[in-house]
C-alpha atoms as a PDB file:
ATOM      1  CA  UNK A   1       5.607   4.260  14.484  1.00  0.00           C
ATOM      2  CA  UNK A   2       7.306   6.896  12.362  1.00  0.00           C
ATOM      3  CA  UNK A   3       9.715   6.037   9.596  1.00  0.00           C
ATOM      4  CA  UNK A   4      12.036   8.811   8.521  1.00  0.00           C
ATOM      5  CA  UNK A   5      13.325   8.643   4.981  1.00  0.00           C
ATOM      6  CA  UNK A   6      16.091  11.047   3.976  1.00  0.00           C
ATOM      7  CA  UNK A   7      14.958  13.592   1.406  1.00  0.00           C
ATOM      8  CA  UNK A   8      17.873  12.623  -0.819  1.00  0.00           C
ATOM      9  CA  UNK A   9      16.183   9.285  -1.564  1.00  0.00           C
ATOM     10  CA  UNK A  10      14.349   8.803  -4.838  1.00  0.00           C
ATOM     11  CA  UNK A  11      11.476   6.406  -5.358  1.00  0.00           C
ATOM     12  CA  UNK A  12      12.338   3.825  -8.017  1.00  0.00           C
ATOM     13  CA  UNK A  13       9.254   1.645  -7.721  1.00  0.00           C
ATOM     14  CA  UNK A  14       6.069   1.528  -5.681  1.00  0.00           C
ATOM     15  CA  UNK A  15       3.126  -0.785  -5.156  1.00  0.00           C
ATOM     16  CA  UNK A  16       0.035  -0.938  -2.942  1.00  0.00           C
ATOM     17  CA  UNK A  17      -1.733  -4.124  -1.909  1.00  0.00           C
ATOM     18  CA  UNK A  18      -4.575  -4.311   0.606  1.00  0.00           C
ATOM     19  CA  UNK A  19      -3.566  -1.043   2.241  1.00  0.00           C
ATOM     20  CA  UNK A  20       0.155  -1.850   2.426  1.00  0.00           C
ATOM     21  CA  UNK A  21       2.286   0.653   0.485  1.00  0.00           C
ATOM     22  CA  UNK A  22       5.765  -0.613  -0.455  1.00  0.00           C
ATOM     23  CA  UNK A  23       8.415   1.645  -2.002  1.00  0.00           C
ATOM     24  CA  UNK A  24      11.873   0.917  -3.377  1.00  0.00           C
ATOM     25  CA  UNK A  25      14.135   3.893  -2.650  1.00  0.00           C
ATOM     26  CA  UNK A  26      17.597   4.870  -3.910  1.00  0.00           C
ATOM     27  CA  UNK A  27      19.986   7.422  -2.406  1.00  0.00           C
ATOM     28  CA  UNK A  28      21.560   9.308  -5.280  1.00  0.00           C
ATOM     29  CA  UNK A  29      24.439  10.558  -3.120  1.00  0.00           C
ATOM     30  CA  UNK A  30      25.885   7.233  -2.004  1.00  0.00           C
ATOM     31  CA  UNK A  31      23.950   4.557  -3.924  1.00  0.00           C
ATOM     32  CA  UNK A  32      22.198   3.041  -0.878  1.00  0.00           C
ATOM     33  CA  UNK A  33      18.940   1.207  -1.484  1.00  0.00           C
ATOM     34  CA  UNK A  34      16.051   0.817   0.946  1.00  0.00           C
ATOM     35  CA  UNK A  35      12.528  -0.558   0.975  1.00  0.00           C
ATOM     36  CA  UNK A  36       9.937   1.409   2.963  1.00  0.00           C
ATOM     37  CA  UNK A  37       6.681  -0.265   4.037  1.00  0.00           C
ATOM     38  CA  UNK A  38       3.625   1.566   5.384  1.00  0.00           C
ATOM     39  CA  UNK A  39       0.412  -0.167   6.418  1.00  0.00           C
ATOM     40  CA  UNK A  40      -2.227   2.522   5.960  1.00  0.00           C
ATOM     41  CA  UNK A  41      -4.823   0.516   7.905  1.00  0.00           C
ATOM     42  CA  UNK A  42      -2.809   0.117  11.102  1.00  0.00           C
ATOM     43  CA  UNK A  43      -0.497   3.158  10.657  1.00  0.00           C
ATOM     44  CA  UNK A  44       2.505   0.866  11.184  1.00  0.00           C
ATOM     45  CA  UNK A  45       5.658   1.348   9.155  1.00  0.00           C
ATOM     46  CA  UNK A  46       9.213   0.102   8.839  1.00  0.00           C
ATOM     47  CA  UNK A  47      12.119   0.366   6.447  1.00  0.00           C
ATOM     48  CA  UNK A  48      14.878  -1.989   5.371  1.00  0.00           C
ATOM     49  CA  UNK A  49      18.255  -0.774   4.173  1.00  0.00           C
ATOM     50  CA  UNK A  50      19.605  -3.351   1.741  1.00  0.00           C
ATOM     51  CA  UNK A  51      22.817  -5.145   2.626  1.00  0.00           C
ATOM     52  CA  UNK A  52      25.587  -6.035   0.201  1.00  0.00           C
ATOM     53  CA  UNK A  53      24.552  -8.896  -2.060  1.00  0.00           C
ATOM     54  CA  UNK A  54      20.793  -8.548  -1.502  1.00  0.00           C
ATOM     55  CA  UNK A  55      18.603  -8.311  -4.584  1.00  0.00           C
ATOM     56  CA  UNK A  56      16.620  -5.051  -4.466  1.00  0.00           C
ATOM     57  CA  UNK A  57      13.581  -6.439  -6.282  1.00  0.00           C
ATOM     58  CA  UNK A  58      13.532  -9.523  -4.055  1.00  0.00           C
ATOM     59  CA  UNK A  59      13.468  -7.299  -0.956  1.00  0.00           C
ATOM     60  CA  UNK A  60      10.803  -5.133  -2.646  1.00  0.00           C
ATOM     61  CA  UNK A  61       8.607  -8.184  -3.332  1.00  0.00           C
ATOM     62  CA  UNK A  62       9.200  -9.864   0.076  1.00  0.00           C
ATOM     63  CA  UNK A  63       9.764  -7.061   2.596  1.00  0.00           C
ATOM     64  CA  UNK A  64       8.283  -8.877   5.592  1.00  0.00           C
ATOM     65  CA  UNK A  65      10.582 -11.874   5.095  1.00  0.00           C
ATOM     66  CA  UNK A  66      13.616  -9.598   4.815  1.00  0.00           C
ATOM     67  CA  UNK A  67      12.503  -7.577   7.844  1.00  0.00           C
ATOM     68  CA  UNK A  68      12.464 -10.797   9.861  1.00  0.00           C
ATOM     69  CA  UNK A  69      15.909 -11.718   8.489  1.00  0.00           C
ATOM     70  CA  UNK A  70      17.248  -8.272   9.446  1.00  0.00           C
ATOM     71  CA  UNK A  71      15.613  -8.431  12.888  1.00  0.00           C
ATOM     72  CA  UNK A  72      13.327  -5.471  12.179  1.00  0.00           C
ATOM     73  CA  UNK A  73      10.064  -5.238  14.128  1.00  0.00           C
ATOM     74  CA  UNK A  74       7.178  -4.907  11.684  1.00  0.00           C
ATOM     75  CA  UNK A  75       4.367  -4.146  14.100  1.00  0.00           C
ATOM     76  CA  UNK A  76       3.911  -1.618  16.846  1.00  0.00           C
ATOM     77  CA  UNK A  77       1.450  -3.706  18.815  1.00  0.00           C
ATOM     78  CA  UNK A  78       1.872  -3.215  22.546  1.00  0.00           C
ATOM     79  CA  UNK A  79       3.003  -6.277  24.514  1.00  0.00           C
ATOM     80  CA  UNK A  80       0.373  -8.188  26.465  1.00  0.00           C
ATOM     81  CA  UNK A  81       0.745  -7.497  30.179  1.00  0.00           C
ATOM     82  CA  UNK A  82       1.146 -10.596  32.292  1.00  0.00           C
ATOM     83  CA  UNK A  83      -0.655 -10.563  35.634  1.00  0.00           C
ATOM     84  CA  UNK A  84       1.779  -9.969  38.505  1.00  0.00           C
ATOM     85  CA  UNK A  85      -0.296 -11.956  40.992  1.00  0.00           C
ATOM     86  CA  UNK A  86      -1.846 -15.384  40.523  1.00  0.00           C
ATOM     87  CA  UNK A  87      -5.489 -15.339  39.530  1.00  0.00           C
ATOM     88  CA  UNK A  88      -7.961 -16.570  42.112  1.00  0.00           C
ATOM     89  CA  UNK A  89      -9.674 -19.823  41.315  1.00  0.00           C
END
């Protein structure tokens, strides 16, 4: 999965834990905030644009919880294929 972050965004804070890189980003032009997450072990990534009223540091410290709240998929694992025919006994 590829996450595109506009070049106008500035990194305000960053942390790495067990191969997961989390960055708090700010758009100087319009004041938007986002948290970008990259798992360097699995090459999976996602980003969360903060909504009105959300605490930036809370999203930064709990990005997976906020991703779930926002309905953002955090893994690129392929779905398990179900067999189309019944298995023989």
